[in-house]
Amino acid sequence: MAESHAEHPAYPVGLRLSGRRVVVIGGGQVAQRRLPALIAAGADIVLVSPSATPSVEAMADAGEIRWVKRAYADGDLADTWYALIATSDTDANAAASAEAERTRTWCVRSDDATAATAWTPATGRSEGVTVAVLTAGGPDPRRTAAVRDAIVEGLRDGTLVAPHHRTRTPGVSLVGGGPGDPDLITVRGRRLLAEADVVIADRLGPRDLLDELPPHVHVIDAAKIPYGRYMAQEAINNALIEHAKAGKAVVRLKGGDPYVFGRGMEEAQALAEAGIPCTVVPGISSSISVPGAAGIPVTHRGIAHEFTVVSGHVAPDDERSLVDWQALAKLRGTLVVLMGVDKIGAIAQTLIAHGKSPETPVALVQEGTTAAQRRVDATLATVAETARAADVRPPAVIVIGDVVTVRAR
């Protein structure tokens, strides 16, 4: 039998079991692992077993499977398309396998693969693709699982690109690229980037990812879109709509998260008004990731039970400011300021004027999570001069509060 397997490898095929009778003999751990996929396939599942694990019993209670509470008996495989034999009784397994052979039922055996007429491949799924791996010469579970994992991971993170060849619905994906390190983009974001025809990228997005794109991908620097008679954001919105209507898969690659000071909702609204489908892929916000990369927890037991994230692009005394700086000065938690490098002097003065201690620790983390990351420490009283002396430049995340010195303690 072993020689036959080596000479004649298994023929791979996908079984369409929806509405068709499948019998599972044995309600232990093997059945617990295999049943979810059979349920997802829509099979009419009958479990034959005197006992079952709590998880398998729950499937029966939920009506996902029918449970016959007894040991296997000859005839249980009548009118069955597919059988899974997985009991600890070798004699029962052999008898059930013999019935499967007589009735021409494809049969998997967990105790003796060489006696089975079918093998279960190592399977994985990624965005509508099912990967099933078999090894020649007989089942090799560790190797098949390793090969499956490598393929599925490659599909998920975009390192293994399989272009769509059928007509795609035009649409735009607003992808949060994270704080700068290309490894910190989400798996879904990286996959969509790998499948894109057009990428409209922000200056603060993970630039290294753009170098990995295939030559045919049209990369547009959002900062260089000709504005003409439009405002900058409107020009970006129009570019997204134009390329999507041309049938392209468009990715709007943004730094951090699209909805954290990223104007992502403005773009989503413009796309909705134009009738363009929009997918939002959240990203890791620099407001928490950059402090973390610099050794600063935004919360810490006994020190900070809250953290507040504000935009510092508008000075506290500017009538356009929507931030209640007086209220922020009274909070005991951590204050994270984005886009506030050139306004940090005015911000510090305002916080002090409303009661914040001048000795409150401050950290400025420039180009966080990248190879150029650097951290400059100060206090509210000294931060303006320190930032000037150290030539701190955007992008930088400013952290204000006692958490800044936790690591030093």
Protein backbone atom coordinates (compact mmCIF):
# COMPACT_ATOMS: atom_id res chain seq x y z
CA MET A 1 0.00 0.00 0.00
CA ALA A 2 2.83 2.40 0.88
CA GLU A 3 4.55 1.75 -2.45
CA SER A 4 1.29 2.48 -4.26
CA HIS A 5 1.05 5.87 -2.53
CA ALA A 6 4.59 6.72 -3.54
CA GLU A 7 3.99 5.76 -7.16
CA HIS A 8 0.54 7.32 -7.43
CA PRO A 9 0.05 10.54 -5.47
CA ALA A 10 -3.42 11.58 -4.34
CA TYR A 11 -5.58 13.35 -6.88
CA PRO A 12 -6.62 16.73 -5.44
CA VAL A 13 -10.23 17.76 -5.79
CA GLY A 14 -12.64 20.14 -4.06
CA LEU A 15 -15.77 18.44 -2.75
CA ARG A 16 -19.03 20.41 -2.98
CA LEU A 17 -20.91 19.02 -0.01
CA SER A 18 -23.72 21.54 0.39
CA GLY A 19 -26.91 19.65 1.29
CA ARG A 20 -25.18 16.28 0.93
CA ARG A 21 -24.96 13.65 3.67
CA VAL A 22 -21.66 13.49 5.53
CA VAL A 23 -21.11 11.05 8.38
CA VAL A 24 -18.60 11.67 11.14
CA ILE A 25 -17.86 8.70 13.35
CA GLY A 26 -16.36 9.71 16.68
CA GLY A 27 -16.95 12.93 18.62
CA GLY A 28 -13.47 13.62 19.98
CA GLN A 29 -10.76 16.18 19.22
CA VAL A 30 -10.37 15.20 15.56
CA ALA A 31 -14.08 15.73 14.93
CA GLN A 32 -13.95 19.00 16.86
CA ARG A 33 -11.25 20.30 14.49
CA ARG A 34 -12.86 19.04 11.27
CA LEU A 35 -16.52 19.78 11.86
CA PRO A 36 -16.40 23.60 11.49
CA ALA A 37 -15.18 23.35 7.89
CA LEU A 38 -17.85 20.76 7.06
CA ILE A 39 -20.50 22.99 8.62
CA ALA A 40 -19.20 25.96 6.62
CA ALA A 41 -19.44 23.83 3.45
CA GLY A 42 -23.17 23.41 4.09
CA ALA A 43 -23.00 19.63 4.51
CA ASP A 44 -25.85 17.62 6.05
CA ILE A 45 -23.78 16.21 8.92
CA VAL A 46 -24.60 13.16 11.01
CA LEU A 47 -22.36 12.46 14.00
CA VAL A 48 -22.30 8.86 15.22
CA SER A 49 -20.70 8.61 18.65
CA PRO A 50 -21.72 7.64 22.18
CA SER A 51 -19.98 10.76 23.53
CA ALA A 52 -18.61 14.08 22.33
CA THR A 53 -16.42 16.93 23.48
CA PRO A 54 -18.24 19.97 24.90
CA SER A 55 -17.55 21.91 21.70
CA VAL A 56 -18.96 19.17 19.48
CA GLU A 57 -21.97 18.82 21.79
CA ALA A 58 -22.55 22.56 21.44
CA MET A 59 -22.66 22.17 17.64
CA ALA A 60 -25.36 19.54 18.07
CA ASP A 61 -27.30 21.69 20.52
CA ALA A 62 -27.16 24.57 18.02
CA GLY A 63 -28.61 22.34 15.29
CA GLU A 64 -25.48 22.51 13.13
CA ILE A 65 -25.13 18.71 13.17
CA ARG A 66 -27.37 15.72 13.99
CA TRP A 67 -26.01 13.52 16.76
CA VAL A 68 -26.77 9.80 16.95
CA LYS A 69 -25.61 8.88 20.45
CA ARG A 70 -24.26 5.37 19.96
CA ALA A 71 -21.28 3.51 18.55
CA TYR A 72 -20.89 2.84 14.85
CA ALA A 73 -23.12 0.16 13.30
CA ASP A 74 -22.99 -1.36 9.85
CA GLY A 75 -25.23 0.60 7.48
CA ASP A 76 -24.47 4.03 8.99
CA LEU A 77 -22.76 5.07 5.75
CA ALA A 78 -25.76 4.38 3.50
CA ASP A 79 -26.35 7.18 0.99
CA THR A 80 -23.30 9.02 2.32
CA TRP A 81 -21.07 11.15 0.11
CA TYR A 82 -18.16 11.60 2.50
CA ALA A 83 -17.15 9.99 5.78
CA LEU A 84 -14.72 10.95 8.51
CA ILE A 85 -13.74 8.07 10.79
CA ALA A 86 -12.13 9.27 13.99
CA THR A 87 -12.75 6.98 16.96
CA SER A 88 -10.30 5.36 19.38
CA ASP A 89 -11.75 1.90 18.55
CA THR A 90 -9.53 0.36 15.87
CA ASP A 91 -11.99 -2.44 15.09
CA ALA A 92 -14.87 0.00 14.63
CA ASN A 93 -12.68 2.18 12.40
CA ALA A 94 -11.77 -0.82 10.24
CA ALA A 95 -15.42 -1.91 9.97
CA ALA A 96 -16.56 1.57 8.99
CA SER A 97 -13.71 1.85 6.48
CA ALA A 98 -14.75 -1.48 4.94
CA GLU A 99 -18.35 -0.23 4.59
CA ALA A 100 -17.09 2.91 2.91
CA GLU A 101 -15.14 0.79 0.43
CA ARG A 102 -18.25 -1.30 -0.36
CA THR A 103 -20.52 1.72 -0.78
CA ARG A 104 -17.96 3.73 -2.76
CA THR A 105 -17.93 6.49 -0.15
CA TRP A 106 -14.86 8.69 0.06
CA CYS A 107 -13.50 8.08 3.52
CA VAL A 108 -10.86 9.70 5.73
CA ARG A 109 -9.38 7.76 8.65
CA SER A 110 -7.59 9.59 11.42
CA ASP A 111 -5.89 6.46 12.81
CA ASP A 112 -4.57 4.92 9.58
CA ALA A 113 -4.20 7.13 6.52
CA THR A 114 -2.95 4.23 4.40
CA ALA A 115 -6.29 2.45 4.85
CA ALA A 116 -8.30 5.50 3.78
CA THR A 117 -9.63 6.37 0.34
CA ALA A 118 -9.19 10.11 0.91
CA TRP A 119 -6.81 12.38 2.78
CA THR A 120 -7.61 15.68 4.42
CA PRO A 121 -5.28 18.39 3.14
CA ALA A 122 -3.88 21.16 5.30
CA THR A 123 -6.17 24.06 4.43
CA GLY A 124 -6.19 27.80 4.93
CA ARG A 125 -8.19 30.72 3.58
CA SER A 126 -7.47 34.26 2.54
CA GLU A 127 -9.99 36.63 0.92
CA GLY A 128 -12.04 34.05 -0.96
CA VAL A 129 -9.10 31.76 -1.79
CA THR A 130 -8.84 28.31 -0.20
CA VAL A 131 -5.36 26.82 -0.09
CA ALA A 132 -5.20 23.02 0.27
CA VAL A 133 -1.84 21.26 0.52
CA LEU A 134 -1.07 17.53 0.19
CA THR A 135 2.35 15.89 0.22
CA ALA A 136 3.32 13.24 -2.29
CA GLY A 137 3.97 9.77 -0.92
CA GLY A 138 1.44 10.06 1.89
CA PRO A 139 0.35 12.55 4.53
CA ASP A 140 3.13 14.57 6.20
CA PRO A 141 1.14 16.83 8.57
CA ARG A 142 3.99 19.06 9.72
CA ARG A 143 5.27 19.77 6.23
CA THR A 144 1.85 20.32 4.69
CA ALA A 145 0.93 22.69 7.52
CA ALA A 146 4.17 24.63 7.07
CA VAL A 147 3.65 24.97 3.30
CA ARG A 148 0.02 26.01 3.81
CA ASP A 149 0.99 28.62 6.39
CA ALA A 150 3.66 30.09 4.12
CA ILE A 151 1.23 30.43 1.20
CA VAL A 152 -1.64 31.84 3.23
CA GLU A 153 0.62 34.32 5.01
CA GLY A 154 2.05 35.45 1.67
CA LEU A 155 -1.46 36.04 0.30
CA ARG A 156 -2.49 37.91 3.42
CA ASP A 157 0.49 40.24 3.69
CA GLY A 158 0.89 40.85 -0.04
CA THR A 159 4.33 39.24 -0.42
CA LEU A 160 2.71 36.58 -2.61
CA VAL A 161 0.69 38.48 -5.20
CA ALA A 162 -2.02 36.78 -7.20
CA PRO A 163 -3.70 39.42 -9.40
CA HIS A 164 -7.45 39.29 -10.05
CA HIS A 165 -8.25 38.64 -13.71
CA ARG A 166 -12.03 38.91 -13.55
CA THR A 167 -13.77 42.26 -13.75
CA ARG A 168 -13.55 44.06 -10.43
CA THR A 169 -16.04 46.50 -9.00
CA PRO A 170 -14.43 49.95 -9.01
CA GLY A 171 -13.66 51.09 -5.51
CA VAL A 172 -11.27 52.80 -3.15
CA SER A 173 -9.60 51.48 -0.02
CA LEU A 174 -8.65 54.05 2.61
CA VAL A 175 -5.69 52.31 4.19
CA GLY A 176 -4.05 53.40 7.42
CA GLY A 177 -0.35 52.77 6.90
CA GLY A 178 0.69 53.09 10.53
CA PRO A 179 3.28 55.38 12.10
CA GLY A 180 6.10 54.89 9.60
CA ASP A 181 7.72 51.49 10.06
CA PRO A 182 6.54 49.45 7.03
CA ASP A 183 6.15 46.37 9.24
CA LEU A 184 3.43 48.13 11.23
CA ILE A 185 0.85 48.29 8.45
CA THR A 186 -1.99 45.81 8.95
CA VAL A 187 -2.02 42.52 7.06
CA ARG A 188 -5.15 43.58 5.19
CA GLY A 189 -3.68 46.95 4.31
CA ARG A 190 -0.54 45.39 2.90
CA ARG A 191 -2.53 42.92 0.81
CA LEU A 192 -4.73 45.64 -0.67
CA LEU A 193 -1.63 47.66 -1.45
CA ALA A 194 -0.14 44.70 -3.29
CA GLU A 195 -3.33 44.34 -5.37
CA ALA A 196 -3.68 48.03 -6.22
CA ASP A 197 -3.57 49.59 -9.69
CA VAL A 198 -3.30 53.13 -8.33
CA VAL A 199 -1.89 54.30 -5.00
CA ILE A 200 -2.39 57.87 -3.81
CA ALA A 201 0.02 58.29 -0.92
CA ASP A 202 0.51 60.85 1.81
CA ARG A 203 3.94 62.19 2.69
CA LEU A 204 3.67 60.63 6.15
CA GLY A 205 2.68 57.19 4.92
CA PRO A 206 5.13 54.26 5.10
CA ARG A 207 7.26 55.22 2.09
CA ASP A 208 9.29 51.99 2.06
CA LEU A 209 6.17 50.06 1.04
CA LEU A 210 5.94 52.01 -2.20
CA ASP A 211 9.29 50.62 -3.32
CA GLU A 212 7.85 47.10 -3.16
CA LEU A 213 5.03 47.79 -5.61
CA PRO A 214 5.17 46.27 -9.12
CA PRO A 215 6.22 48.61 -11.95
CA HIS A 216 2.71 48.81 -13.42
CA VAL A 217 1.25 50.42 -10.28
CA HIS A 218 0.62 54.13 -10.71
CA VAL A 219 1.86 55.88 -7.56
CA ILE A 220 0.66 59.44 -6.98
CA ASP A 221 2.14 61.74 -4.35
CA ALA A 222 -0.88 63.47 -2.83
CA ALA A 223 1.21 66.52 -2.04
CA LYS A 224 1.97 67.00 -5.74
CA ILE A 225 -1.52 66.72 -7.20
CA PRO A 226 -2.12 69.90 -9.24
CA TYR A 227 -4.79 71.80 -7.35
CA GLY A 228 -5.91 74.18 -10.10
CA ARG A 229 -9.05 75.91 -8.93
CA TYR A 230 -9.69 73.35 -6.20
CA MET A 231 -8.59 73.13 -2.62
CA ALA A 232 -5.98 70.44 -1.95
CA GLN A 233 -8.41 67.99 -0.33
CA GLU A 234 -10.93 68.40 -3.11
CA ALA A 235 -8.23 67.66 -5.67
CA ILE A 236 -7.37 64.43 -3.83
CA ASN A 237 -11.05 63.48 -3.67
CA ASN A 238 -11.39 64.06 -7.41
CA ALA A 239 -8.34 61.93 -8.16
CA LEU A 240 -9.75 59.06 -6.11
CA ILE A 241 -13.07 59.26 -7.92
CA GLU A 242 -11.51 59.61 -11.37
CA HIS A 243 -9.32 56.52 -11.07
CA ALA A 244 -12.04 54.43 -9.42
CA LYS A 245 -14.50 55.27 -12.20
CA ALA A 246 -11.86 54.18 -14.69
CA GLY A 247 -12.17 50.69 -13.20
CA LYS A 248 -8.96 50.79 -11.19
CA ALA A 249 -8.33 49.31 -7.77
CA VAL A 250 -7.37 52.43 -5.85
CA VAL A 251 -5.62 52.61 -2.49
CA ARG A 252 -5.47 55.85 -0.56
CA LEU A 253 -2.42 55.23 1.64
CA LYS A 254 -2.44 57.43 4.71
CA GLY A 255 -0.14 57.68 7.70
CA GLY A 256 -1.39 56.36 11.03
CA ASP A 257 -5.13 55.75 11.00
CA PRO A 258 -7.40 57.28 8.33
CA TYR A 259 -9.80 58.69 10.93
CA VAL A 260 -7.29 60.11 13.44
CA PHE A 261 -6.61 63.61 12.07
CA GLY A 262 -6.33 62.03 8.64
CA ARG A 263 -9.39 63.57 6.95
CA GLY A 264 -10.42 60.06 5.99
CA MET A 265 -14.10 60.72 6.58
CA GLU A 266 -14.03 63.66 4.14
CA GLU A 267 -12.72 61.32 1.47
CA ALA A 268 -15.25 58.61 2.37
CA GLN A 269 -18.07 61.14 2.12
CA ALA A 270 -16.89 62.37 -1.28
CA LEU A 271 -16.70 58.79 -2.55
CA ALA A 272 -20.18 58.02 -1.21
CA GLU A 273 -21.61 61.06 -2.98
CA ALA A 274 -20.00 59.87 -6.22
CA GLY A 275 -21.40 56.36 -5.76
CA ILE A 276 -17.95 54.80 -5.34
CA PRO A 277 -17.66 51.85 -2.92
CA CYS A 278 -15.22 52.59 -0.12
CA THR A 279 -13.42 50.25 2.26
CA VAL A 280 -11.76 51.64 5.37
CA VAL A 281 -8.78 49.73 6.74
CA PRO A 282 -7.84 51.02 10.21
CA GLY A 283 -4.19 51.70 10.92
CA ILE A 284 -2.01 51.88 14.01
CA SER A 285 -2.19 55.47 15.21
CA SER A 286 1.06 57.29 15.97
CA SER A 287 -0.64 58.68 19.08
CA ILE A 288 -0.06 55.41 20.92
CA SER A 289 2.51 53.55 18.82
CA VAL A 290 5.19 56.25 18.71
CA PRO A 291 5.22 56.80 22.49
CA GLY A 292 5.34 53.03 22.91
CA ALA A 293 8.28 52.73 20.54
CA ALA A 294 10.08 55.36 22.61
CA GLY A 295 9.48 53.49 25.85
CA ILE A 296 6.53 55.59 27.02
CA PRO A 297 3.22 53.93 27.99
CA VAL A 298 0.31 56.32 27.51
CA THR A 299 -1.33 54.70 30.55
CA HIS A 300 0.27 53.09 33.58
CA ARG A 301 -1.17 51.64 36.75
CA GLY A 302 -1.09 54.16 39.57
CA ILE A 303 0.04 57.02 37.32
CA ALA A 304 -2.36 57.57 34.41
CA HIS A 305 -5.84 56.12 33.99
CA GLU A 306 -6.60 58.15 30.88
CA PHE A 307 -4.98 59.61 27.83
CA THR A 308 -6.21 62.36 25.55
CA VAL A 309 -5.12 62.91 21.96
CA VAL A 310 -5.37 66.41 20.49
CA SER A 311 -4.26 68.17 17.36
CA GLY A 312 -1.77 70.98 17.86
CA HIS A 313 -1.82 72.35 14.34
CA VAL A 314 -3.87 75.35 15.54
CA ALA A 315 -2.50 77.49 18.38
CA PRO A 316 -4.52 77.63 21.64
CA ASP A 317 -5.32 81.31 21.16
CA ASP A 318 -6.46 80.86 17.55
CA GLU A 319 -10.20 81.36 17.14
CA ARG A 320 -10.31 78.26 14.92
CA SER A 321 -9.16 76.01 17.77
CA LEU A 322 -11.73 73.47 18.93
CA VAL A 323 -9.64 72.23 21.86
CA ASP A 324 -10.60 73.12 25.45
CA TRP A 325 -7.06 73.68 26.74
CA GLN A 326 -8.32 74.89 30.10
CA ALA A 327 -10.09 71.58 30.68
CA LEU A 328 -7.05 69.62 29.49
CA ALA A 329 -4.83 71.41 32.02
CA LYS A 330 -6.96 69.98 34.82
CA LEU A 331 -6.76 66.36 33.68
CA ARG A 332 -4.40 64.06 35.59
CA GLY A 333 -3.78 61.66 32.75
CA THR A 334 -1.55 61.74 29.69
CA LEU A 335 -1.84 64.35 26.95
CA VAL A 336 -0.65 63.36 23.47
CA VAL A 337 -0.26 66.18 20.96
CA LEU A 338 0.01 65.50 17.24
CA MET A 339 1.12 68.08 14.68
CA GLY A 340 2.18 70.47 17.41
CA VAL A 341 5.92 70.96 17.10
CA ASP A 342 5.79 74.58 15.97
CA LYS A 343 3.06 75.42 18.51
CA ILE A 344 4.52 73.62 21.55
CA GLY A 345 5.66 76.85 23.20
CA ALA A 346 2.19 78.35 23.11
CA ILE A 347 0.64 75.03 24.16
CA ALA A 348 2.95 74.72 27.16
CA GLN A 349 2.30 78.31 28.26
CA THR A 350 -1.45 77.81 28.00
CA LEU A 351 -1.41 74.60 30.03
CA ILE A 352 0.73 76.24 32.73
CA ALA A 353 -1.53 79.30 32.78
CA HIS A 354 -4.51 77.05 33.49
CA GLY A 355 -2.86 75.22 36.37
CA LYS A 356 -0.61 72.51 34.92
CA SER A 357 2.67 72.23 36.83
CA PRO A 358 5.66 73.73 34.95
CA GLU A 359 7.63 70.63 36.03
CA THR A 360 5.31 68.25 34.18
CA PRO A 361 7.52 65.91 32.08
CA VAL A 362 7.37 66.23 28.31
CA ALA A 363 8.84 64.03 25.58
CA LEU A 364 9.09 64.85 21.89
CA VAL A 365 9.51 61.78 19.68
CA GLN A 366 10.54 62.64 16.14
CA GLU A 367 9.98 60.21 13.25
CA GLY A 368 8.86 57.51 15.63
CA THR A 369 9.20 53.81 14.68
CA THR A 370 11.58 54.64 11.81
CA ALA A 371 15.35 54.33 11.65
CA ALA A 372 15.58 58.09 12.23
CA GLN A 373 13.61 58.02 15.49
CA ARG A 374 14.90 60.21 18.29
CA ARG A 375 13.51 61.33 21.62
CA VAL A 376 14.02 64.68 23.34
CA ASP A 377 12.91 65.16 26.95
CA ALA A 378 11.98 68.37 28.73
CA THR A 379 9.36 69.86 31.05
CA LEU A 380 6.48 72.17 30.26
CA ALA A 381 8.62 75.08 31.46
CA THR A 382 11.58 74.18 29.20
CA VAL A 383 10.03 72.42 26.23
CA ALA A 384 9.89 75.42 23.89
CA GLU A 385 13.59 76.23 24.24
CA THR A 386 14.58 72.55 24.29
CA ALA A 387 12.72 71.84 21.08
CA ARG A 388 14.41 74.80 19.38
CA ALA A 389 17.87 73.89 20.66
CA ALA A 390 17.48 70.25 19.60
CA ASP A 391 15.98 71.29 16.24
CA VAL A 392 12.98 68.99 16.65
CA ARG A 393 11.04 68.88 13.40
CA PRO A 394 7.79 67.32 12.20
CA PRO A 395 6.63 64.65 12.20
CA ALA A 396 6.90 64.38 15.97
CA VAL A 397 4.56 63.15 18.69
CA ILE A 398 4.54 65.12 21.93
CA VAL A 399 3.73 63.32 25.18
CA ILE A 400 2.90 65.35 28.30
CA GLY A 401 2.52 63.73 31.71
CA ASP A 402 4.17 61.63 34.39
CA VAL A 403 4.20 58.54 32.13
CA VAL A 404 7.16 60.13 30.35
CA THR A 405 9.44 59.21 33.28
CA VAL A 406 7.99 55.77 34.12
CA ARG A 407 10.78 53.87 32.38
CA ALA A 408 13.49 55.92 34.08
CA ARG A 409 12.01 55.09 37.46
